[in-house]
Protein backbone atom coordinates (compact mmCIF):
# COMPACT_ATOMS: atom_id res chain seq x y z
CA MET A 1 -19.27 -3.53 -9.07
CA PRO A 2 -17.20 -4.59 -12.17
CA SER A 3 -14.41 -7.12 -11.43
CA SER A 4 -11.82 -4.62 -12.82
CA SER A 5 -12.74 -1.95 -10.51
CA ARG A 6 -10.25 -1.02 -7.78
CA VAL A 7 -10.48 1.06 -4.59
CA GLY A 8 -9.21 4.57 -5.42
CA ILE A 9 -6.87 6.66 -3.19
CA VAL A 10 -7.02 10.47 -2.56
CA ILE A 11 -4.09 12.25 -0.95
CA VAL A 12 -5.07 15.44 0.71
CA SER A 13 -2.29 17.73 1.71
CA HIS A 14 -1.70 21.40 2.51
CA SER A 15 1.00 21.40 -0.06
CA ASP A 16 0.19 20.55 -3.71
CA LEU A 17 3.87 19.41 -4.14
CA ILE A 18 3.49 16.89 -1.24
CA ALA A 19 0.20 15.55 -2.59
CA ARG A 20 1.60 15.07 -5.95
CA GLY A 21 4.89 13.54 -4.66
CA VAL A 22 2.93 10.96 -2.62
CA VAL A 23 0.84 9.96 -5.55
CA GLN A 24 3.99 9.71 -7.78
CA LEU A 25 5.55 7.42 -5.18
CA ALA A 26 2.50 5.15 -4.69
CA LEU A 27 2.16 4.89 -8.42
CA GLN A 28 5.56 3.11 -8.67
CA MET A 29 3.83 0.21 -6.77
CA ALA A 30 0.22 0.50 -7.88
CA ARG A 31 0.10 1.60 -11.48
CA ASN A 32 -3.60 0.31 -12.04
CA VAL A 33 -5.07 2.22 -9.10
CA ARG A 34 -6.62 5.70 -9.36
CA LEU A 35 -4.59 7.90 -7.19
CA GLU A 36 -5.57 11.46 -7.01
CA ALA A 37 -3.78 14.41 -5.43
CA ALA A 38 -5.64 17.28 -3.66
CA GLY A 39 -3.06 19.50 -2.41
CA GLY A 40 -2.93 23.21 -1.65
CA THR A 41 -5.58 25.90 -2.30
CA ASP A 42 -7.50 26.68 -5.50
CA ASP A 43 -4.84 29.38 -6.33
CA GLY A 44 -1.77 27.35 -5.49
CA ARG A 45 -1.15 28.48 -1.97
CA ILE A 46 -0.45 26.35 1.13
CA GLY A 47 -3.85 25.16 2.64
CA THR A 48 -6.67 22.97 1.49
CA SER A 49 -9.58 23.40 -0.90
CA PHE A 50 -13.00 21.93 -0.65
CA ASP A 51 -13.36 21.96 -4.55
CA LEU A 52 -10.14 20.14 -5.04
CA VAL A 53 -10.88 17.47 -2.56
CA SER A 54 -14.46 17.00 -3.69
CA ALA A 55 -13.21 16.60 -7.38
CA ALA A 56 -10.42 14.14 -6.39
CA ILE A 57 -12.84 11.94 -4.41
CA THR A 58 -15.20 11.81 -7.41
CA ALA A 59 -12.32 10.98 -9.84
CA ALA A 60 -10.89 8.27 -7.53
CA ASP A 61 -13.97 6.33 -7.21
CA ASP A 62 -14.49 3.66 -9.99
CA GLY A 63 -17.40 1.95 -8.29
CA ALA A 64 -15.26 0.30 -5.57
CA GLY A 65 -15.07 3.36 -3.35
CA ALA A 66 -12.01 5.53 -2.22
CA VAL A 67 -9.95 5.92 0.79
CA VAL A 68 -8.74 9.49 1.75
CA LEU A 69 -5.54 10.12 3.40
CA CYS A 70 -4.72 13.56 4.92
CA ASP A 71 -1.62 15.30 6.25
CA LEU A 72 -2.90 17.48 9.06
CA GLY A 73 -5.93 18.05 11.17
CA SER A 74 -7.52 20.80 9.04
CA ALA A 75 -7.09 18.73 5.94
CA ILE A 76 -9.31 16.05 7.60
CA LEU A 77 -11.87 18.82 8.30
CA THR A 78 -11.85 19.64 4.62
CA ALA A 79 -12.26 16.16 3.62
CA GLU A 80 -15.06 15.53 6.11
CA THR A 81 -16.90 18.68 4.68
CA ALA A 82 -16.45 17.46 1.16
CA MET A 83 -17.86 14.04 2.05
CA ASP A 84 -20.98 15.88 3.54
CA PHE A 85 -21.70 17.25 0.02
CA LEU A 86 -21.25 14.07 -1.88
CA ASP A 87 -24.15 12.08 -3.30
CA ASP A 88 -25.38 9.59 -0.79
CA ASP A 89 -24.42 6.63 -2.91
CA LEU A 90 -20.80 7.85 -3.31
CA ARG A 91 -20.48 9.04 0.44
CA GLU A 92 -21.18 5.46 1.48
CA ARG A 93 -18.10 4.23 -0.43
CA VAL A 94 -15.61 6.67 0.89
CA ARG A 95 -13.59 6.33 3.98
CA ILE A 96 -11.07 8.73 5.66
CA ALA A 97 -8.01 6.83 7.01
CA ASP A 98 -6.57 7.60 10.40
CA ALA A 99 -3.07 6.78 9.01
CA PRO A 100 0.40 8.35 8.33
CA LEU A 101 0.29 10.00 4.90
CA VAL A 102 3.07 8.38 3.00
CA GLU A 103 3.24 4.98 4.64
CA GLY A 104 -0.58 4.70 4.60
CA ALA A 105 -0.77 5.73 1.06
CA VAL A 106 1.70 3.25 -0.15
CA ALA A 107 0.13 0.42 1.94
CA ALA A 108 -3.25 1.21 0.77
CA ALA A 109 -2.29 1.58 -2.87
CA VAL A 110 -0.67 -1.93 -2.79
CA ALA A 111 -3.79 -3.40 -1.16
CA ALA A 112 -5.95 -1.75 -3.83
CA GLU A 113 -3.77 -2.92 -6.66
CA SER A 114 -4.15 -6.45 -5.27
CA GLY A 115 -7.94 -6.00 -5.68
CA ASP A 116 -8.77 -5.84 -1.97
CA ASP A 117 -12.15 -4.28 -1.07
CA LEU A 118 -12.73 -1.02 0.70
CA ASP A 119 -12.62 -2.10 4.25
CA ALA A 120 -9.32 -4.07 3.53
CA VAL A 121 -7.62 -1.15 1.83
CA LEU A 122 -8.71 1.16 4.69
CA ARG A 123 -7.17 -1.37 7.26
CA ALA A 124 -3.90 -1.62 5.23
CA ALA A 125 -3.61 2.26 5.46
CA GLU A 126 -4.54 2.39 9.22
CA THR A 127 -1.98 -0.39 10.17
CA ALA A 128 0.90 1.13 8.28
CA GLY A 129 3.25 2.61 10.86
CA GLY A 130 0.81 2.00 13.64
CA GLY A 131 -1.92 4.36 12.44
CA GLY A 132 -2.78 7.74 14.08
CA GLY A 133 -0.32 9.86 12.14
CA GLY A 134 2.55 7.34 12.49
CA GLU A 135 3.64 8.42 16.08
CA ASP A 136 3.75 4.92 17.41
CA VAL A 137 5.39 2.63 14.89
CA ALA A 138 4.03 -0.91 14.99
CA PRO A 139 6.57 -3.77 15.19
CA ALA A 140 7.17 -5.60 11.93
CA PRO A 141 4.69 -8.53 11.53
CA PRO A 142 6.47 -11.77 12.37
CA GLY A 143 6.50 -14.54 9.81
CA PRO A 144 5.28 -17.95 10.53
CA GLU A 145 7.03 -20.09 13.21
CA ILE A 146 9.54 -22.33 11.46
CA GLY A 147 9.63 -25.94 12.50
CA ALA A 148 11.75 -28.83 11.49
CA GLY A 149 9.51 -29.68 8.50
CA SER A 150 9.77 -26.18 7.01
CA ILE A 151 10.04 -25.28 3.30
CA THR A 152 12.91 -22.99 2.50
CA ARG A 153 14.71 -21.43 -0.44
CA ARG A 154 17.51 -19.01 -0.35
CA VAL A 155 18.04 -16.40 -3.18
CA THR A 156 20.46 -13.65 -3.80
CA LEU A 157 18.91 -10.53 -5.01
CA VAL A 158 20.23 -9.53 -8.35
CA ASN A 159 18.01 -6.53 -9.27
CA SER A 160 19.35 -3.09 -8.73
CA ASP A 161 16.65 -1.98 -6.40
CA GLY A 162 16.76 -5.01 -4.19
CA LEU A 163 13.36 -5.28 -2.14
CA HIS A 164 12.42 -1.74 -2.27
CA ALA A 165 9.44 0.13 -3.87
CA ARG A 166 8.13 -1.59 -6.99
CA PRO A 167 10.01 -4.94 -6.52
CA ALA A 168 8.70 -5.04 -2.83
CA ALA A 169 5.28 -4.35 -3.99
CA GLU A 170 5.38 -7.09 -6.58
CA PHE A 171 6.74 -9.56 -3.94
CA VAL A 172 3.86 -8.77 -1.56
CA LYS A 173 1.19 -8.79 -4.20
CA LEU A 174 2.34 -12.25 -5.36
CA ALA A 175 2.47 -13.40 -1.72
CA GLY A 176 -1.11 -12.25 -1.20
CA THR A 177 -2.21 -14.64 -4.02
CA PHE A 178 -1.50 -17.50 -1.69
CA PRO A 179 -3.34 -18.42 1.46
CA GLN A 180 -0.39 -19.93 3.20
CA LYS A 181 1.82 -17.92 5.58
CA VAL A 182 5.22 -17.24 4.19
CA ALA A 183 8.14 -15.37 5.76
CA VAL A 184 11.07 -13.54 4.05
CA ASN A 185 14.07 -13.26 6.45
CA GLY A 186 11.61 -13.79 9.29
CA ILE A 187 9.12 -11.30 8.24
CA ASP A 188 5.61 -11.75 6.96
CA ALA A 189 5.94 -11.83 3.20
CA LYS A 190 2.49 -10.00 2.87
CA SER A 191 3.68 -6.96 4.76
CA LEU A 192 5.12 -4.41 2.32
CA LEU A 193 6.39 -1.74 4.82
CA ALA A 194 8.09 -4.43 7.03
CA ILE A 195 9.82 -5.89 3.99
CA MET A 196 10.93 -2.48 2.79
CA ALA A 197 12.15 -1.77 6.38
CA LEU A 198 14.59 -4.71 6.12
CA GLY A 199 16.72 -2.64 3.76
CA LEU A 200 17.47 -5.53 1.30
CA VAL A 201 19.70 -4.52 -1.53
CA LYS A 202 21.22 -6.06 -4.57
CA GLY A 203 23.69 -8.67 -3.42
CA ASP A 204 21.74 -9.69 -0.24
CA GLU A 205 20.59 -13.08 0.31
CA ILE A 206 16.95 -13.63 1.37
CA GLU A 207 15.48 -16.75 3.00
CA ILE A 208 11.87 -17.50 1.89
CA THR A 209 10.27 -19.87 4.41
CA SER A 210 7.07 -21.45 5.50
CA ASP A 211 6.18 -24.29 7.78
CA ASP A 212 2.89 -24.99 6.05
CA PRO A 213 3.40 -28.27 3.98
CA GLU A 214 1.05 -26.73 1.41
CA ALA A 215 3.22 -23.61 0.89
CA ARG A 216 5.76 -25.20 -1.59
CA GLU A 217 4.18 -23.57 -4.53
CA ALA A 218 4.14 -20.16 -2.74
CA VAL A 219 7.80 -20.44 -1.62
CA ASP A 220 8.86 -21.47 -5.05
CA ALA A 221 6.75 -18.70 -6.89
CA LEU A 222 8.23 -16.02 -4.53
CA ALA A 223 11.87 -17.26 -4.89
CA ASP A 224 11.47 -17.44 -8.72
CA LEU A 225 10.22 -13.81 -8.83
CA ALA A 226 13.25 -12.75 -6.82
CA GLU A 227 15.71 -14.73 -8.90
CA SER A 228 14.21 -13.24 -12.09
CA GLY A 229 15.26 -9.78 -10.90
CA PHE A 230 11.60 -8.62 -10.88
CA GLY A 231 11.90 -7.84 -14.57
CA GLU A 232 14.63 -5.22 -13.99
CA HIS A 233 17.32 -6.84 -16.17
């Protein structure tokens, strides 16, 4: 697999508008990931299409595999049927996620953008919102326990979007490049959905903290990114 390959994402919905909308949202946070929409029937009605799903899976795979997210049960059946007709080699690289469509797509796309492998991208999708269609929302992942020797920096958000969408994704991707555990306002800095759920906007102060003595570089890098305005100004 080429080092530049990333896991692709396929969005299967009964509505073409929904599928394309989820792709548009995820692309704001993962511009280098192959995101394919397979919504509606072949003639534009509400429903699903074997041909559209098959083509989307093929287009999404760049050698690293693809994760498929579906909106309703019959969409899963269509995706499973499409998988049955794939070449054996490709079929082995495709996973259908048991995940909420929007949250799962965003989490999977950010994981794929970070270069995670197929299993990790699938896991990111399925842990978003608690999995299983998002009925049971998982609590936000806690950050590291903070002790007396913690490393802390406080930053006021200056960019217009705060820690939402693209800036949050940039923050999480940078956090993921460091092995140490870091928290932002008490939440795991590597959890995109948990950070977005904080609702942090321009003018809010964030506290970036770790109790790992090796985390100074990680804390400083994340604080510097936030202070820079994420390139928005």
